[in-house]
Protein backbone atom coordinates (compact mmCIF):
# COMPACT_ATOMS: atom_id res chain seq x y z
CA MET A 1 0.02 0.00 0.00
CA SER A 2 1.31 3.34 -0.92
CA ARG A 3 1.81 5.98 1.75
CA VAL A 4 0.28 9.31 1.74
CA LYS A 5 2.93 12.02 1.11
CA VAL A 6 2.89 15.55 2.36
CA ARG A 7 2.70 16.58 -1.34
CA ASP A 8 -0.72 14.89 -1.69
CA LEU A 9 -2.30 17.07 1.33
CA MET A 10 -0.50 20.32 1.26
CA THR A 11 -1.83 23.60 0.14
CA THR A 12 0.39 24.84 -2.82
CA GLU A 13 -0.99 28.24 -3.27
CA VAL A 14 0.57 29.69 0.03
CA VAL A 15 -0.31 33.10 1.39
CA THR A 16 2.97 34.68 2.45
CA ILE A 17 4.35 37.95 4.06
CA GLY A 18 7.57 39.83 3.85
CA ALA A 19 9.40 40.43 7.15
CA ASN A 20 9.04 44.27 6.75
CA GLU A 21 5.34 44.07 6.46
CA THR A 22 3.24 45.20 9.50
CA LEU A 23 1.38 43.30 11.99
CA ASP A 24 -1.76 45.02 10.64
CA ALA A 25 -1.00 43.79 7.09
CA ALA A 26 -0.54 40.36 8.51
CA GLU A 27 -3.73 40.47 10.31
CA GLN A 28 -5.53 41.75 7.19
CA LEU A 29 -4.22 39.20 5.02
CA MET A 30 -5.18 36.44 7.49
CA LEU A 31 -8.79 37.80 7.57
CA ALA A 32 -9.07 38.04 3.78
CA ALA A 33 -7.77 34.53 3.17
CA ARG A 34 -9.39 33.08 6.31
CA ILE A 35 -6.01 31.42 7.52
CA HIS A 36 -4.06 31.31 10.75
CA HIS A 37 -0.45 31.01 9.65
CA LEU A 38 1.63 33.19 7.32
CA PRO A 39 5.14 31.94 6.17
CA VAL A 40 7.38 35.02 6.21
CA VAL A 41 9.56 34.81 3.15
CA THR A 42 12.10 36.80 1.12
CA ARG A 43 11.07 38.17 -2.49
CA SER A 44 12.56 34.82 -3.76
CA LYS A 45 10.20 32.79 -1.34
CA LYS A 46 13.09 31.75 0.93
CA LEU A 47 11.51 30.90 4.42
CA LEU A 48 12.47 33.39 7.12
CA GLY A 49 9.95 32.62 9.70
CA LEU A 50 6.42 32.24 10.61
CA VAL A 51 3.67 34.52 12.07
CA THR A 52 0.45 33.05 13.56
CA GLN A 53 -2.75 34.43 14.61
CA ALA A 54 -1.61 33.67 18.14
CA ASP A 55 1.37 35.74 17.59
CA LEU A 56 -0.78 38.78 16.59
CA LEU A 57 -2.97 38.25 19.72
CA ARG A 58 0.08 38.19 21.80
CA ALA A 59 1.41 41.34 20.12
CA GLN A 60 -1.99 43.29 20.69
CA VAL A 61 -2.36 45.92 23.46
CA SER A 62 -4.08 44.71 26.50
CA VAL A 63 -7.75 45.67 26.99
CA PHE A 64 -6.68 47.02 30.46
CA ALA A 65 -4.20 49.37 29.12
CA GLU A 66 -5.29 53.02 28.60
CA VAL A 67 -4.70 53.08 25.02
CA SER A 68 -7.23 54.45 22.25
CA PRO A 69 -8.33 52.21 19.39
CA ALA A 70 -6.68 54.73 17.21
CA GLU A 71 -3.38 54.38 19.00
CA GLU A 72 -3.43 50.52 19.02
CA ALA A 73 -4.02 50.66 15.23
CA SER A 74 -1.14 52.92 14.83
CA LEU A 75 0.97 50.61 16.80
CA MET A 76 -0.26 47.67 14.65
CA GLN A 77 0.69 49.56 11.50
CA ALA A 78 4.25 50.32 12.75
CA ILE A 79 5.34 47.10 14.00
CA PRO A 80 7.04 44.85 11.36
CA VAL A 81 6.17 41.11 11.17
CA ALA A 82 9.81 40.39 11.83
CA GLN A 83 9.57 41.55 15.46
CA VAL A 84 6.94 38.86 16.36
CA MET A 85 7.56 35.89 13.90
CA THR A 86 9.15 32.76 15.24
CA THR A 87 12.33 32.14 13.21
CA ALA A 88 12.99 28.51 14.47
CA VAL A 89 10.54 27.05 12.29
CA CYS A 90 10.13 23.27 11.84
CA THR A 91 9.68 22.43 8.28
CA ILE A 92 8.79 19.30 6.16
CA ALA A 93 9.55 18.22 2.57
CA PRO A 94 6.83 17.27 0.14
CA GLU A 95 8.16 13.79 -0.15
CA ASP A 96 7.85 13.00 3.65
CA THR A 97 4.96 10.83 4.63
CA ALA A 98 1.86 12.41 6.00
CA GLU A 99 2.01 10.13 8.94
CA HIS A 100 5.45 11.74 10.09
CA ALA A 101 4.16 15.13 9.55
CA ALA A 102 1.12 14.40 11.59
CA ARG A 103 3.33 12.97 14.34
CA VAL A 104 5.52 16.11 14.27
CA MET A 105 2.53 18.42 14.50
CA LYS A 106 0.87 16.34 17.26
CA ARG A 107 4.07 15.95 19.52
CA ALA A 108 5.27 19.75 19.24
CA LYS A 109 1.52 20.86 19.24
CA TYR A 110 2.14 22.85 15.91
CA GLY A 111 -0.74 24.15 13.66
CA CYS A 112 1.25 24.02 10.73
CA LEU A 113 4.34 22.86 8.94
CA PRO A 114 5.71 25.05 6.03
CA VAL A 115 6.70 22.66 2.99
CA VAL A 116 10.15 23.60 1.67
CA VAL A 117 12.44 22.44 -0.97
CA ASP A 118 16.03 24.06 -0.59
CA GLY A 119 14.78 26.58 1.88
CA VAL A 120 11.97 27.81 -0.61
CA VAL A 121 8.38 27.55 0.45
CA VAL A 122 6.54 25.25 -1.85
CA GLY A 123 3.45 24.71 0.18
CA ILE A 124 1.99 24.26 3.65
CA LEU A 125 0.51 21.57 5.67
CA THR A 126 -2.09 22.63 8.48
CA GLU A 127 -4.32 20.87 10.76
CA GLY A 128 -7.21 21.63 8.28
CA ASP A 129 -5.48 19.40 5.80
CA PHE A 130 -5.60 16.41 8.14
CA VAL A 131 -9.50 17.14 8.89
CA GLU A 132 -9.80 17.07 5.04
CA LEU A 133 -8.08 13.74 4.81
CA ALA A 134 -10.13 12.15 7.74
CA ALA A 135 -13.41 13.39 6.07
CA ARG A 136 -12.37 11.76 2.74
CA ALA A 137 -11.44 8.70 4.51
CA LEU A 138 -14.68 8.66 6.35
CA GLU A 139 -16.58 9.25 3.00
CA ALA A 140 -14.71 6.29 1.37
CA GLN A 141 -16.04 4.08 4.07
CA THR A 142 -19.50 5.27 4.50
CA GLY A 143 -20.27 6.95 1.34
CA ASP A 144 -20.65 10.96 1.13
CA LEU A 145 -22.99 11.64 4.20
CA PHE A 146 -23.59 15.23 2.74
CA SER A 147 -25.20 13.86 -0.53
CA LEU A 148 -27.40 11.25 1.11
CA GLY A 149 -31.18 11.91 2.31
CA ASP A 150 -31.89 12.14 5.95
CA ASP A 151 -32.72 8.49 6.13
CA ALA A 152 -29.76 7.27 4.41
CA ARG A 153 -27.57 9.71 6.30
CA THR A 154 -28.92 8.20 9.58
CA ALA A 155 -28.46 4.76 8.52
CA ALA A 156 -24.78 5.41 7.51
CA ARG A 157 -24.12 7.20 10.80
CA GLY A 158 -25.52 4.12 12.43
CA ARG A 159 -23.18 1.87 10.65
CA VAL A 160 -20.20 4.01 11.48
CA SER A 161 -21.36 4.23 15.09
CA GLU A 162 -21.57 0.46 15.19
CA ARG A 163 -18.10 0.08 13.84
CA VAL A 164 -16.61 2.27 16.27
CA ALA A 165 -18.56 0.21 19.13
CA ASN A 166 -17.16 -2.90 17.49
CA LYS A 167 -13.66 -1.30 17.27
CA GLY A 168 -13.84 -1.38 13.44
CA ASN A 169 -14.68 -4.99 13.04
CA PRO A 170 -17.84 -5.65 11.04
CA SER A 171 -20.47 -7.62 12.87
């Protein structure tokens, strides 16, 4: 049986940001693209670091500080991503197995792994990619639950629940 590779799961249209861009720009990119991780790259797409939604939250001014919204916005527009990004980024190669990537992410509690070849970002693998893989695996076993009618969906869920109760062994 062939193993699933990182290249089979990764997102290849990666949204990235430059190190001199601002925290405000990073936040706007994340919101627009509905993502939580931004690889920080050079013009030639060499990986410099990673900025996450959690990094942006940590960089925000506390609600208890006596700072006006305008002052906070001004700060977010003045601070470069390079000041908050993580530079010691764990990466993975496209030819690595998805199983290896999942173990690295689980052990280190990473939400993503940039996929690089010779230091250049060629993709990103996120928790969402693994959720998609799990959904596809479940659909392959049970049929597409979303395209079934209510009665068929209930029956399929019952079969899945029965298999789980029997630890995967058909009755």
